[in-house]
Structure formats: structure tokens, C-alpha cells
Amino acid sequence: MSDRRPEVLFVCIHNAGRSQMAAALLAHHAGDRVVVRSAGTAPADTINPVVVDAMAEIGIDLDATGAAPKKLTDAAVEASDVVITMGCGDECPFYPGKRYLDWAVDDPAGKDLAEVRKIRDDIDGRVRSLVDDLVITEPGGS
């Protein structure tokens, strides 16, 4: 059994909403059992403030974690075992041998808090399933 932790990368266009929520939720649910990253193909300057509010409602303070939009790099993709795309389409790099998942999740940009809560809860359900899958799958196993 390998003691290497699985590495997960969440990618969306601006890295200001969906991928930030997903990364924070995975870190919350999996703790130090998983290495979590997020990035965007065209990162925004700041995280969507409505996303920050929606996450704070469930006890996750994105401001306190130092979360900030980051540019997607080849190195981040290469280091990841699982790459989860969330609306970046063909802009996301593809590397053979990586596990890719594409989550069709609404973009929270321009949406009110009630709508962003629904998106957050959708992502939370997907992340919880992912945690179960990652815990079952041995890191480095086949």
C-alpha cells in the first residue's frame, strides 16, 4: 500500500467560483488525506464575493484560507492524479494517464446568494462522492 496522497486539481475558467468551492469542500471533507489544488484558464482578480458568502454559511472561510484565483499551469496538471474540469472546455490541457472528470456545474458569476447556495450544494454532493471514491481507490494503485 502506498502512503502517497492522491492529488486533485479543480479547473474552471476564472477560478473565482466553482473550482474554489470544490477545492475548499474537498479540503474540508478529506482533510490531509488528499492534496487539493484549483486553477483557472483565465483567472479573475478575486474570488466572487457571493461565493465567499455562500461558503461562510457552512463554516468555510475562503478569505482565511488565503484562497485566490490562480493560473492553470502544465505543472499543476502533471502533478495531479485527478483533474476535474468545470466549464473550461477545450482550454483545459489534456495529459494521457490522468483521470479526468467533467462536472457540468452552473457558473455562479452574476447569480444571487440563493442560486449560489444551490451550486455550492451540488458541488458538495459531488465532492462527497469523490472523497468516498478516493478513499476506496489506493493511491498509486491500478
C-alpha atoms as a PDB file:
ATOM      1  CA  MET A   1       0.000   0.000   0.000  1.00  0.00           C
ATOM      2  CA  SER A   2       1.331   3.414  -0.944  1.00  0.00           C
ATOM      3  CA  ASP A   3       1.364   6.247   1.575  1.00  0.00           C
ATOM      4  CA  ARG A   4       1.196   8.803  -1.226  1.00  0.00           C
ATOM      5  CA  ARG A   5      -1.870  11.017  -1.049  1.00  0.00           C
ATOM      6  CA  PRO A   6      -3.983  11.408  -4.196  1.00  0.00           C
ATOM      7  CA  GLU A   7      -3.736  14.853  -5.788  1.00  0.00           C
ATOM      8  CA  VAL A   8      -6.856  16.518  -7.190  1.00  0.00           C
ATOM      9  CA  LEU A   9      -6.989  19.614  -9.386  1.00  0.00           C
ATOM     10  CA  PHE A  10     -10.227  21.545  -9.968  1.00  0.00           C
ATOM     11  CA  VAL A  11     -10.238  23.723 -13.089  1.00  0.00           C
ATOM     12  CA  CYS A  12     -12.713  26.319 -14.338  1.00  0.00           C
ATOM     13  CA  ILE A  13     -12.296  29.456 -16.400  1.00  0.00           C
ATOM     14  CA  HIS A  14     -11.891  32.194 -13.787  1.00  0.00           C
ATOM     15  CA  ASN A  15     -11.015  30.132 -10.676  1.00  0.00           C
ATOM     16  CA  ALA A  16     -13.296  32.520  -8.800  1.00  0.00           C
ATOM     17  CA  GLY A  17     -16.336  30.337  -8.089  1.00  0.00           C
ATOM     18  CA  ARG A  18     -16.902  26.668  -8.896  1.00  0.00           C
ATOM     19  CA  SER A  19     -13.341  25.426  -8.651  1.00  0.00           C
ATOM     20  CA  GLN A  20     -12.732  27.430  -5.470  1.00  0.00           C
ATOM     21  CA  MET A  21     -15.832  25.955  -3.829  1.00  0.00           C
ATOM     22  CA  ALA A  22     -14.896  22.442  -4.930  1.00  0.00           C
ATOM     23  CA  ALA A  23     -11.319  22.739  -3.669  1.00  0.00           C
ATOM     24  CA  ALA A  24     -12.419  24.148  -0.308  1.00  0.00           C
ATOM     25  CA  LEU A  25     -15.093  21.467   0.093  1.00  0.00           C
ATOM     26  CA  LEU A  26     -12.666  18.668  -0.760  1.00  0.00           C
ATOM     27  CA  ALA A  27     -10.104  20.031   1.705  1.00  0.00           C
ATOM     28  CA  HIS A  28     -12.885  20.273   4.310  1.00  0.00           C
ATOM     29  CA  HIS A  29     -14.188  16.728   3.806  1.00  0.00           C
ATOM     30  CA  ALA A  30     -10.905  14.903   3.105  1.00  0.00           C
ATOM     31  CA  GLY A  31      -8.548  16.880   5.319  1.00  0.00           C
ATOM     32  CA  ASP A  32      -4.924  15.954   4.816  1.00  0.00           C
ATOM     33  CA  ARG A  33      -5.760  12.659   3.090  1.00  0.00           C
ATOM     34  CA  VAL A  34      -5.817  14.461  -0.281  1.00  0.00           C
ATOM     35  CA  VAL A  35      -3.695  17.191  -1.890  1.00  0.00           C
ATOM     36  CA  VAL A  36      -6.094  19.768  -3.337  1.00  0.00           C
ATOM     37  CA  ARG A  37      -5.466  22.448  -5.961  1.00  0.00           C
ATOM     38  CA  SER A  38      -7.607  24.720  -8.074  1.00  0.00           C
ATOM     39  CA  ALA A  39      -6.807  26.902 -11.065  1.00  0.00           C
ATOM     40  CA  GLY A  40      -8.366  28.763 -13.958  1.00  0.00           C
ATOM     41  CA  THR A  41      -7.608  29.109 -17.632  1.00  0.00           C
ATOM     42  CA  ALA A  42      -8.259  32.877 -17.380  1.00  0.00           C
ATOM     43  CA  PRO A  43      -8.180  33.646 -13.640  1.00  0.00           C
ATOM     44  CA  ALA A  44     -10.132  36.565 -12.214  1.00  0.00           C
ATOM     45  CA  ASP A  45      -8.570  39.108  -9.872  1.00  0.00           C
ATOM     46  CA  THR A  46     -10.590  37.981  -6.850  1.00  0.00           C
ATOM     47  CA  ILE A  47     -12.952  35.246  -5.727  1.00  0.00           C
ATOM     48  CA  ASN A  48     -16.625  36.012  -6.334  1.00  0.00           C
ATOM     49  CA  PRO A  49     -17.859  37.651  -3.087  1.00  0.00           C
ATOM     50  CA  VAL A  50     -21.200  35.798  -3.265  1.00  0.00           C
ATOM     51  CA  VAL A  51     -19.235  32.524  -3.361  1.00  0.00           C
ATOM     52  CA  VAL A  52     -17.286  33.667  -0.280  1.00  0.00           C
ATOM     53  CA  ASP A  53     -20.604  34.393   1.486  1.00  0.00           C
ATOM     54  CA  ALA A  54     -22.147  31.034   0.496  1.00  0.00           C
ATOM     55  CA  MET A  55     -19.120  29.130   1.765  1.00  0.00           C
ATOM     56  CA  ALA A  56     -19.037  31.129   5.022  1.00  0.00           C
ATOM     57  CA  GLU A  57     -22.609  29.986   5.679  1.00  0.00           C
ATOM     58  CA  ILE A  58     -21.349  26.410   6.011  1.00  0.00           C
ATOM     59  CA  GLY A  59     -18.299  27.342   8.070  1.00  0.00           C
ATOM     60  CA  ILE A  60     -15.668  27.556   5.333  1.00  0.00           C
ATOM     61  CA  ASP A  61     -13.896  30.925   5.282  1.00  0.00           C
ATOM     62  CA  LEU A  62     -12.248  31.333   1.888  1.00  0.00           C
ATOM     63  CA  ASP A  63     -10.678  34.622   2.973  1.00  0.00           C
ATOM     64  CA  ALA A  64      -8.990  32.990   5.975  1.00  0.00           C
ATOM     65  CA  THR A  65      -7.596  30.133   3.866  1.00  0.00           C
ATOM     66  CA  GLY A  66      -5.847  32.590   1.567  1.00  0.00           C
ATOM     67  CA  ALA A  67      -7.715  31.232  -1.443  1.00  0.00           C
ATOM     68  CA  ALA A  68      -7.115  33.315  -4.561  1.00  0.00           C
ATOM     69  CA  PRO A  69      -7.594  32.748  -8.291  1.00  0.00           C
ATOM     70  CA  LYS A  70      -4.567  31.072  -9.857  1.00  0.00           C
ATOM     71  CA  LYS A  71      -3.497  30.486 -13.460  1.00  0.00           C
ATOM     72  CA  LEU A  72      -3.653  26.901 -14.668  1.00  0.00           C
ATOM     73  CA  THR A  73      -0.173  25.539 -15.338  1.00  0.00           C
ATOM     74  CA  ASP A  74       1.045  22.395 -17.034  1.00  0.00           C
ATOM     75  CA  ALA A  75       2.906  21.547 -13.817  1.00  0.00           C
ATOM     76  CA  ALA A  76      -0.343  21.553 -11.808  1.00  0.00           C
ATOM     77  CA  VAL A  77      -1.940  19.157 -14.283  1.00  0.00           C
ATOM     78  CA  GLU A  78       1.146  16.920 -14.406  1.00  0.00           C
ATOM     79  CA  ALA A  79       1.249  16.674 -10.596  1.00  0.00           C
ATOM     80  CA  SER A  80      -2.423  15.712 -10.307  1.00  0.00           C
ATOM     81  CA  ASP A  81      -3.910  12.236 -10.258  1.00  0.00           C
ATOM     82  CA  VAL A  82      -7.445  13.501 -10.902  1.00  0.00           C
ATOM     83  CA  VAL A  83      -8.280  16.615 -12.941  1.00  0.00           C
ATOM     84  CA  ILE A  84     -11.859  17.834 -12.605  1.00  0.00           C
ATOM     85  CA  THR A  85     -12.942  20.367 -15.190  1.00  0.00           C
ATOM     86  CA  MET A  86     -15.884  22.630 -14.534  1.00  0.00           C
ATOM     87  CA  GLY A  87     -16.717  24.524 -17.695  1.00  0.00           C
ATOM     88  CA  CYS A  88     -13.342  25.280 -19.249  1.00  0.00           C
ATOM     89  CA  GLY A  89     -13.989  23.197 -22.358  1.00  0.00           C
ATOM     90  CA  ASP A  90     -11.119  22.815 -24.798  1.00  0.00           C
ATOM     91  CA  GLU A  91      -8.940  25.299 -22.877  1.00  0.00           C
ATOM     92  CA  CYS A  92      -8.024  22.633 -20.323  1.00  0.00           C
ATOM     93  CA  PRO A  93      -4.815  20.761 -21.160  1.00  0.00           C
ATOM     94  CA  PHE A  94      -5.066  17.006 -21.557  1.00  0.00           C
ATOM     95  CA  TYR A  95      -2.349  14.636 -20.396  1.00  0.00           C
ATOM     96  CA  PRO A  96      -2.518  10.898 -21.081  1.00  0.00           C
ATOM     97  CA  GLY A  97      -2.615   8.790 -17.944  1.00  0.00           C
ATOM     98  CA  LYS A  98      -4.533  11.339 -15.890  1.00  0.00           C
ATOM     99  CA  ARG A  99      -8.031  10.652 -14.657  1.00  0.00           C
ATOM    100  CA  TYR A 100     -10.344  13.375 -15.965  1.00  0.00           C
ATOM    101  CA  LEU A 101     -13.845  14.151 -14.762  1.00  0.00           C
ATOM    102  CA  ASP A 102     -16.011  16.891 -16.219  1.00  0.00           C
ATOM    103  CA  TRP A 103     -18.592  18.273 -13.837  1.00  0.00           C
ATOM    104  CA  ALA A 104     -21.366  20.203 -15.562  1.00  0.00           C
ATOM    105  CA  VAL A 105     -21.976  22.765 -12.823  1.00  0.00           C
ATOM    106  CA  ASP A 106     -23.596  26.180 -13.275  1.00  0.00           C
ATOM    107  CA  ASP A 107     -21.286  29.181 -13.132  1.00  0.00           C
ATOM    108  CA  PRO A 108     -22.069  31.297 -10.033  1.00  0.00           C
ATOM    109  CA  ALA A 109     -20.978  34.518 -11.788  1.00  0.00           C
ATOM    110  CA  GLY A 110     -23.794  37.072 -11.664  1.00  0.00           C
ATOM    111  CA  LYS A 111     -26.064  34.857  -9.561  1.00  0.00           C
ATOM    112  CA  ASP A 112     -27.623  35.774  -6.229  1.00  0.00           C
ATOM    113  CA  LEU A 113     -26.894  34.026  -2.930  1.00  0.00           C
ATOM    114  CA  ALA A 114     -29.872  31.654  -3.190  1.00  0.00           C
ATOM    115  CA  GLU A 115     -28.678  30.422  -6.602  1.00  0.00           C
ATOM    116  CA  VAL A 116     -25.060  30.137  -5.448  1.00  0.00           C
ATOM    117  CA  ARG A 117     -26.205  28.028  -2.466  1.00  0.00           C
ATOM    118  CA  LYS A 118     -27.740  25.536  -4.918  1.00  0.00           C
ATOM    119  CA  ILE A 119     -24.483  25.411  -6.898  1.00  0.00           C
ATOM    120  CA  ARG A 120     -22.480  25.002  -3.668  1.00  0.00           C
ATOM    121  CA  ASP A 121     -24.727  22.149  -2.540  1.00  0.00           C
ATOM    122  CA  ASP A 122     -24.470  20.449  -5.960  1.00  0.00           C
ATOM    123  CA  ILE A 123     -20.680  20.654  -5.793  1.00  0.00           C
ATOM    124  CA  ASP A 124     -20.712  19.438  -2.179  1.00  0.00           C
ATOM    125  CA  GLY A 125     -22.589  16.280  -3.169  1.00  0.00           C
ATOM    126  CA  ARG A 126     -20.132  15.604  -5.991  1.00  0.00           C
ATOM    127  CA  VAL A 127     -17.155  16.214  -3.696  1.00  0.00           C
ATOM    128  CA  ARG A 128     -18.515  13.843  -1.040  1.00  0.00           C
ATOM    129  CA  SER A 129     -18.822  11.106  -3.684  1.00  0.00           C
ATOM    130  CA  LEU A 130     -15.300  11.869  -4.856  1.00  0.00           C
ATOM    131  CA  VAL A 131     -13.967  11.552  -1.293  1.00  0.00           C
ATOM    132  CA  ASP A 132     -15.588   8.128  -0.998  1.00  0.00           C
ATOM    133  CA  ASP A 133     -14.053   7.126  -4.337  1.00  0.00           C
ATOM    134  CA  LEU A 134     -10.592   8.419  -3.441  1.00  0.00           C
ATOM    135  CA  VAL A 135     -10.628   6.671  -0.076  1.00  0.00           C
ATOM    136  CA  ILE A 136     -11.583   3.365  -1.750  1.00  0.00           C
ATOM    137  CA  THR A 137      -9.013   3.776  -4.526  1.00  0.00           C
ATOM    138  CA  GLU A 138      -5.487   3.111  -3.308  1.00  0.00           C
ATOM    139  CA  PRO A 139      -3.188   5.976  -4.293  1.00  0.00           C
ATOM    140  CA  GLY A 140      -0.738   4.689  -6.867  1.00  0.00           C
ATOM    141  CA  GLY A 141      -2.790   1.518  -7.293  1.00  0.00           C
ATOM    142  CA  SER A 142      -4.217   0.221 -10.535  1.00  0.00           C
END
